[in-house]
Amino acid sequence: MSAQTATTPATVRPPEPGKTRATVGAIVLVVLVIGSGFLSNADWKELPSIFTEGWKYLYLMVKGLVQNPFAEPYSEYWSQALGGMLESISMAWIGTLIGAALSVPMGFLAARNVSHPVVVQATRVVLNFIRTLPELIFAIILLLPIFGFGANAGALALGIGAVGTLGKLTAEALEGIDPGPVEAARAAGAPRSAILRWTYWSQVLPEVLAFWLYRFEINIRASAILGVIGAGGIGSVLSQAFRYREWDFIGILLFVIIAVTVIVDSISGAVRHRIIAGGGADVKDADAERVVM
């Protein structure tokens, strides 16, 4: 057989996939986006005003930042902004603690390798229901009528909202553990409580701690939104400033929110990396420096 006719299947190029489906999908997506814009009843004629009028409000907000913070009324503005932000951080921290405390047993109940299948399904339904409702719903419908306006309702709303996410993540972490220590503890005759504590929980604790810190970051942002409906924190101060159109005060409030959020995110991210990665990287770097020296 000649070399020209000896063609193996491995050398045959497969046909190129058709692009018709992708093209039709892109066209449909564009049509849906444009149609949604027209059906939203938005006043698109006002869109250019963002560039013609928006800079004026930006100027007024920046003007409040460059004023002497010790002169009146700016000293009072900064005091209210920092006090409201401190209250928002407190709400976020308490909400995270509540969510963490409640999510641990919920996570064990929702883990397939820990609980009975019926218990797992029932617990996952509860966690899914909590995740589908935003913190605003918990605050408006359940907590504000009971606790009234203030930080208590906001902290509880953040805590309840955190249970759904943290419980699901905890259950998934438990399902991914190494089964070796569990089998060894069972073979040694350890009680179930000891198995759960020393073989399950000890393996997932660093990962779960990272989840808690990440949820704390989310709760800080959410606490500012909850404050708009009267649930305390800097959001309440911001809503009042918008009501009276105090643009210089609004600029100070937004600056404090952004600055504190970035600082907390940076610190929390570093701590989460330290928890997950451990000190191994630092030890290796130190050993490398000693070798070089």
Protein backbone atom coordinates (compact mmCIF):
# COMPACT_ATOMS: atom_id res chain seq x y z
CA MET A 1 0.00 0.00 0.00
CA SER A 2 1.44 3.35 -0.99
CA ALA A 3 2.08 6.20 1.47
CA GLN A 4 -0.63 8.29 -0.21
CA THR A 5 -3.40 5.78 0.57
CA ALA A 6 -2.17 4.82 4.05
CA THR A 7 -4.05 7.48 5.95
CA THR A 8 -4.77 6.63 9.58
CA PRO A 9 -7.81 8.00 11.44
CA ALA A 10 -5.48 9.89 13.79
CA THR A 11 -4.25 12.13 10.95
CA VAL A 12 -7.70 13.16 9.75
CA ARG A 13 -8.68 16.65 10.95
CA PRO A 14 -12.09 16.74 12.60
CA PRO A 15 -14.59 19.07 11.02
CA GLU A 16 -14.87 22.53 12.53
CA PRO A 17 -17.89 23.00 14.74
CA GLY A 18 -20.62 25.11 13.25
CA LYS A 19 -21.01 28.70 14.41
CA THR A 20 -24.70 28.97 13.64
CA ARG A 21 -25.86 28.13 17.15
CA ALA A 22 -23.47 30.60 18.78
CA THR A 23 -24.42 33.34 16.31
CA VAL A 24 -28.15 32.82 16.82
CA GLY A 25 -27.67 32.78 20.59
CA ALA A 26 -25.74 36.07 20.52
CA ILE A 27 -28.40 37.71 18.34
CA VAL A 28 -31.19 36.53 20.65
CA LEU A 29 -29.30 37.83 23.68
CA VAL A 30 -28.79 41.26 22.10
CA VAL A 31 -32.47 41.44 21.13
CA LEU A 32 -33.52 40.54 24.68
CA VAL A 33 -31.26 43.17 26.21
CA ILE A 34 -32.45 45.90 23.85
CA GLY A 35 -36.09 44.86 24.27
CA SER A 36 -35.75 44.88 28.06
CA GLY A 37 -34.35 48.39 27.88
CA PHE A 38 -37.35 49.64 25.93
CA LEU A 39 -39.86 47.80 28.11
CA SER A 40 -38.36 49.13 31.35
CA ASN A 41 -40.10 52.52 30.90
CA ALA A 42 -36.80 54.24 31.53
CA ASP A 43 -36.46 57.85 30.45
CA TRP A 44 -33.44 57.40 28.20
CA LYS A 45 -33.54 61.08 27.22
CA GLU A 46 -32.14 61.88 30.64
CA LEU A 47 -29.08 59.70 30.09
CA PRO A 48 -26.90 62.56 28.80
CA SER A 49 -27.60 64.47 32.02
CA ILE A 50 -25.22 62.09 33.78
CA PHE A 51 -22.38 63.79 31.95
CA THR A 52 -23.81 67.33 32.05
CA GLU A 53 -25.22 67.43 35.60
CA GLY A 54 -23.49 64.55 37.36
CA TRP A 55 -20.17 66.35 37.70
CA LYS A 56 -21.87 69.11 39.70
CA TYR A 57 -22.98 66.68 42.39
CA LEU A 58 -19.57 65.03 42.30
CA TYR A 59 -17.98 68.44 42.84
CA LEU A 60 -20.26 69.12 45.83
CA MET A 61 -19.38 65.75 47.38
CA VAL A 62 -15.65 66.22 46.87
CA LYS A 63 -15.96 69.73 48.29
CA GLY A 64 -17.04 68.27 51.62
CA LEU A 65 -13.96 66.06 51.75
CA VAL A 66 -11.43 68.87 51.31
CA GLN A 67 -12.89 71.10 54.03
CA ASN A 68 -11.29 71.44 57.45
CA PRO A 69 -12.57 68.38 59.38
CA PHE A 70 -12.30 70.29 62.69
CA ALA A 71 -14.48 73.21 61.60
CA GLU A 72 -18.24 73.30 61.94
CA PRO A 73 -20.32 71.67 60.56
CA TYR A 74 -17.75 69.28 59.09
CA SER A 75 -16.51 68.07 62.46
CA GLU A 76 -20.07 66.93 63.18
CA TYR A 77 -20.27 65.31 59.74
CA TRP A 78 -17.11 63.29 60.29
CA SER A 79 -18.22 62.33 63.79
CA GLN A 80 -21.58 61.03 62.54
CA ALA A 81 -19.94 59.22 59.61
CA LEU A 82 -17.37 57.43 61.78
CA GLY A 83 -19.96 56.65 64.44
CA GLY A 84 -22.37 55.23 61.87
CA MET A 85 -19.61 53.18 60.27
CA LEU A 86 -18.59 51.80 63.66
CA GLU A 87 -22.20 50.79 64.25
CA SER A 88 -22.31 49.10 60.83
CA ILE A 89 -19.14 47.15 61.64
CA SER A 90 -20.68 46.10 64.96
CA MET A 91 -23.83 44.96 63.17
CA ALA A 92 -21.75 43.00 60.66
CA TRP A 93 -19.65 41.39 63.39
CA ILE A 94 -22.63 40.38 65.55
CA GLY A 95 -24.49 39.12 62.48
CA THR A 96 -21.47 37.04 61.48
CA LEU A 97 -21.21 35.54 64.96
CA ILE A 98 -24.91 34.65 64.93
CA GLY A 99 -24.66 33.14 61.46
CA ALA A 100 -21.52 31.20 62.34
CA ALA A 101 -23.00 29.77 65.54
CA LEU A 102 -26.19 28.63 63.82
CA SER A 103 -24.53 27.41 60.63
CA VAL A 104 -22.28 24.86 62.35
CA PRO A 105 -25.06 22.48 63.48
CA MET A 106 -26.96 23.17 60.26
CA GLY A 107 -23.86 22.24 58.28
CA PHE A 108 -23.48 18.93 60.10
CA LEU A 109 -27.16 18.15 59.58
CA ALA A 110 -26.89 18.97 55.85
CA ALA A 111 -23.75 16.91 55.21
CA ARG A 112 -24.50 13.62 53.42
CA ASN A 113 -21.62 11.79 55.09
CA VAL A 114 -22.77 12.80 58.58
CA SER A 115 -26.57 12.78 58.81
CA HIS A 116 -29.44 10.59 57.66
CA PRO A 117 -30.66 11.29 54.08
CA VAL A 118 -34.06 12.48 55.33
CA VAL A 119 -32.42 14.92 57.74
CA VAL A 120 -30.05 16.07 55.01
CA GLN A 121 -32.87 16.87 52.57
CA ALA A 122 -34.96 18.66 55.20
CA THR A 123 -32.00 20.77 56.34
CA ARG A 124 -31.01 21.66 52.80
CA VAL A 125 -34.57 22.83 52.09
CA VAL A 126 -34.34 25.19 55.07
CA LEU A 127 -30.92 26.48 53.98
CA ASN A 128 -32.12 27.00 50.42
CA PHE A 129 -35.15 28.92 51.67
CA ILE A 130 -32.96 31.21 53.76
CA ARG A 131 -30.61 31.85 50.84
CA THR A 132 -33.47 32.83 48.52
CA LEU A 133 -34.57 35.68 50.81
CA PRO A 134 -32.33 38.75 51.05
CA GLU A 135 -31.54 40.38 54.36
CA LEU A 136 -33.90 43.24 53.53
CA ILE A 137 -36.86 40.86 53.59
CA PHE A 138 -35.90 39.46 56.98
CA ALA A 139 -35.48 42.97 58.35
CA ILE A 140 -38.69 44.44 56.92
CA ILE A 141 -41.10 41.54 57.44
CA LEU A 142 -39.79 39.78 60.55
CA LEU A 143 -37.42 41.88 62.61
CA LEU A 144 -38.36 45.55 62.30
CA PRO A 145 -41.93 44.93 63.58
CA ILE A 146 -40.48 43.10 66.60
CA PHE A 147 -37.35 45.07 67.48
CA GLY A 148 -38.20 48.40 65.88
CA PHE A 149 -35.78 50.66 64.05
CA GLY A 150 -32.16 50.30 65.03
CA ALA A 151 -29.06 48.15 64.90
CA ASN A 152 -30.61 45.16 66.69
CA ALA A 153 -32.92 44.36 63.79
CA GLY A 154 -30.10 44.84 61.30
CA ALA A 155 -27.67 42.57 63.14
CA LEU A 156 -30.27 39.80 63.46
CA ALA A 157 -31.20 40.11 59.79
CA LEU A 158 -27.55 39.76 58.81
CA GLY A 159 -27.16 36.76 61.12
CA ILE A 160 -30.19 34.94 59.74
CA GLY A 161 -29.18 35.69 56.18
CA ALA A 162 -25.68 34.33 56.83
CA VAL A 163 -26.98 30.96 58.05
CA GLY A 164 -28.07 29.85 54.58
CA THR A 165 -24.73 30.49 52.92
CA LEU A 166 -22.47 29.43 55.78
CA GLY A 167 -24.50 26.29 56.44
CA LYS A 168 -24.24 25.21 52.80
CA LEU A 169 -20.50 25.90 52.64
CA THR A 170 -19.90 24.07 55.92
CA ALA A 171 -21.83 21.02 54.67
CA GLU A 172 -19.83 20.95 51.43
CA ALA A 173 -16.57 21.21 53.37
CA LEU A 174 -17.61 18.31 55.62
CA GLU A 175 -18.48 16.19 52.60
CA GLY A 176 -15.00 16.72 51.18
CA ILE A 177 -12.95 15.58 54.17
CA ASP A 178 -10.47 12.71 54.18
CA PRO A 179 -12.42 9.62 55.37
CA GLY A 180 -9.29 7.93 56.70
CA PRO A 181 -9.28 9.54 60.18
CA VAL A 182 -13.02 8.90 60.50
CA GLU A 183 -12.62 5.19 59.78
CA ALA A 184 -9.67 4.95 62.17
CA ALA A 185 -11.63 6.63 64.98
CA ARG A 186 -14.59 4.32 64.42
CA ALA A 187 -12.33 1.27 64.41
CA ALA A 188 -10.84 2.42 67.72
CA GLY A 189 -14.34 2.59 69.24
CA ALA A 190 -14.48 6.39 69.68
CA PRO A 191 -17.90 7.85 70.54
CA ARG A 192 -19.78 9.70 67.83
CA SER A 193 -19.31 13.08 69.52
CA ALA A 194 -15.53 12.57 69.55
CA ILE A 195 -15.57 11.50 65.90
CA LEU A 196 -17.49 14.60 64.89
CA ARG A 197 -15.19 16.85 66.93
CA TRP A 198 -11.76 15.42 66.19
CA THR A 199 -12.10 13.92 62.71
CA TYR A 200 -14.76 15.98 60.95
CA TRP A 201 -14.57 19.41 62.55
CA SER A 202 -10.79 19.51 62.94
CA GLN A 203 -10.35 18.95 59.19
CA VAL A 204 -12.75 21.67 58.05
CA LEU A 205 -12.07 24.30 60.75
CA PRO A 206 -9.51 26.37 58.76
CA GLU A 207 -11.76 26.42 55.70
CA VAL A 208 -14.85 27.28 57.75
CA LEU A 209 -13.01 30.13 59.49
CA ALA A 210 -12.17 31.54 56.08
CA PHE A 211 -15.86 31.33 55.17
CA TRP A 212 -16.78 33.27 58.31
CA LEU A 213 -14.31 36.04 57.53
CA TYR A 214 -15.55 36.30 53.97
CA ARG A 215 -19.13 36.54 55.23
CA PHE A 216 -18.04 39.33 57.57
CA GLU A 217 -16.86 41.31 54.54
CA ILE A 218 -20.24 40.77 52.86
CA ASN A 219 -22.12 41.78 56.01
CA ILE A 220 -20.29 45.11 56.18
CA ARG A 221 -21.59 46.02 52.73
CA ALA A 222 -25.05 44.66 53.51
CA SER A 223 -25.24 46.61 56.78
CA ALA A 224 -24.98 49.88 54.86
CA ILE A 225 -27.95 48.84 52.72
CA LEU A 226 -30.01 47.73 55.71
CA GLY A 227 -29.48 51.12 57.30
CA VAL A 228 -31.41 52.77 54.47
CA ILE A 229 -34.63 51.16 55.76
CA GLY A 230 -33.89 52.21 59.32
CA ALA A 231 -31.98 49.18 60.56
CA GLY A 232 -29.14 51.27 61.99
CA GLY A 233 -25.58 51.85 60.89
CA ILE A 234 -24.16 54.31 58.44
CA GLY A 235 -26.93 53.55 55.96
CA SER A 236 -29.43 55.36 58.21
CA VAL A 237 -27.19 58.43 58.31
CA LEU A 238 -26.75 58.26 54.53
CA SER A 239 -30.51 58.08 53.91
CA GLN A 240 -31.07 61.16 56.04
CA ALA A 241 -28.33 63.04 54.19
CA PHE A 242 -29.95 62.15 50.85
CA ARG A 243 -33.31 63.30 52.15
CA TYR A 244 -31.99 66.78 52.91
CA ARG A 245 -29.65 66.88 49.86
CA GLU A 246 -26.54 67.49 51.99
CA TRP A 247 -24.09 66.64 49.25
CA ASP A 248 -20.95 67.57 51.16
CA PHE A 249 -22.07 65.27 53.98
CA ILE A 250 -22.89 62.54 51.44
CA GLY A 251 -19.37 62.77 50.06
CA ILE A 252 -17.89 62.25 53.52
CA LEU A 253 -20.18 59.29 54.18
CA LEU A 254 -19.35 57.59 50.88
CA PHE A 255 -15.64 58.14 51.45
CA VAL A 256 -15.83 56.54 54.91
CA ILE A 257 -17.83 53.58 53.56
CA ILE A 258 -15.39 52.95 50.72
CA ALA A 259 -12.25 53.45 52.82
CA VAL A 260 -13.35 51.24 55.70
CA THR A 261 -14.66 48.54 53.35
CA VAL A 262 -11.35 48.42 51.46
CA ILE A 263 -9.35 48.28 54.70
CA VAL A 264 -11.50 45.51 56.18
CA ASP A 265 -11.41 43.55 52.91
CA SER A 266 -7.61 43.78 52.78
CA ILE A 267 -7.15 42.68 56.40
CA SER A 268 -9.72 39.92 56.11
CA GLY A 269 -8.22 38.68 52.85
CA ALA A 270 -4.76 38.50 54.42
CA VAL A 271 -6.09 36.63 57.45
CA ARG A 272 -8.05 34.20 55.24
CA HIS A 273 -4.94 33.51 53.17
CA ARG A 274 -2.94 32.94 56.34
CA ILE A 275 -5.54 30.51 57.71
CA ILE A 276 -5.79 28.49 54.52
CA ALA A 277 -2.13 28.56 53.42
CA GLY A 278 -0.64 28.43 56.90
CA GLY A 279 2.90 29.45 57.68
CA GLY A 280 4.55 27.10 55.23
CA ALA A 281 5.19 29.80 52.64
CA ASP A 282 6.79 32.09 55.24
CA VAL A 283 9.02 29.27 56.49
CA LYS A 284 10.18 28.50 52.95
CA ASP A 285 10.94 32.16 52.29
CA ALA A 286 12.93 32.38 55.52
CA ASP A 287 14.90 29.25 54.63
CA ALA A 288 15.63 30.66 51.17
CA GLU A 289 16.91 33.89 52.68
CA ARG A 290 19.22 31.97 55.04
CA VAL A 291 20.60 29.96 52.11
CA VAL A 292 21.30 33.14 50.15
CA MET A 293 23.01 34.74 53.13
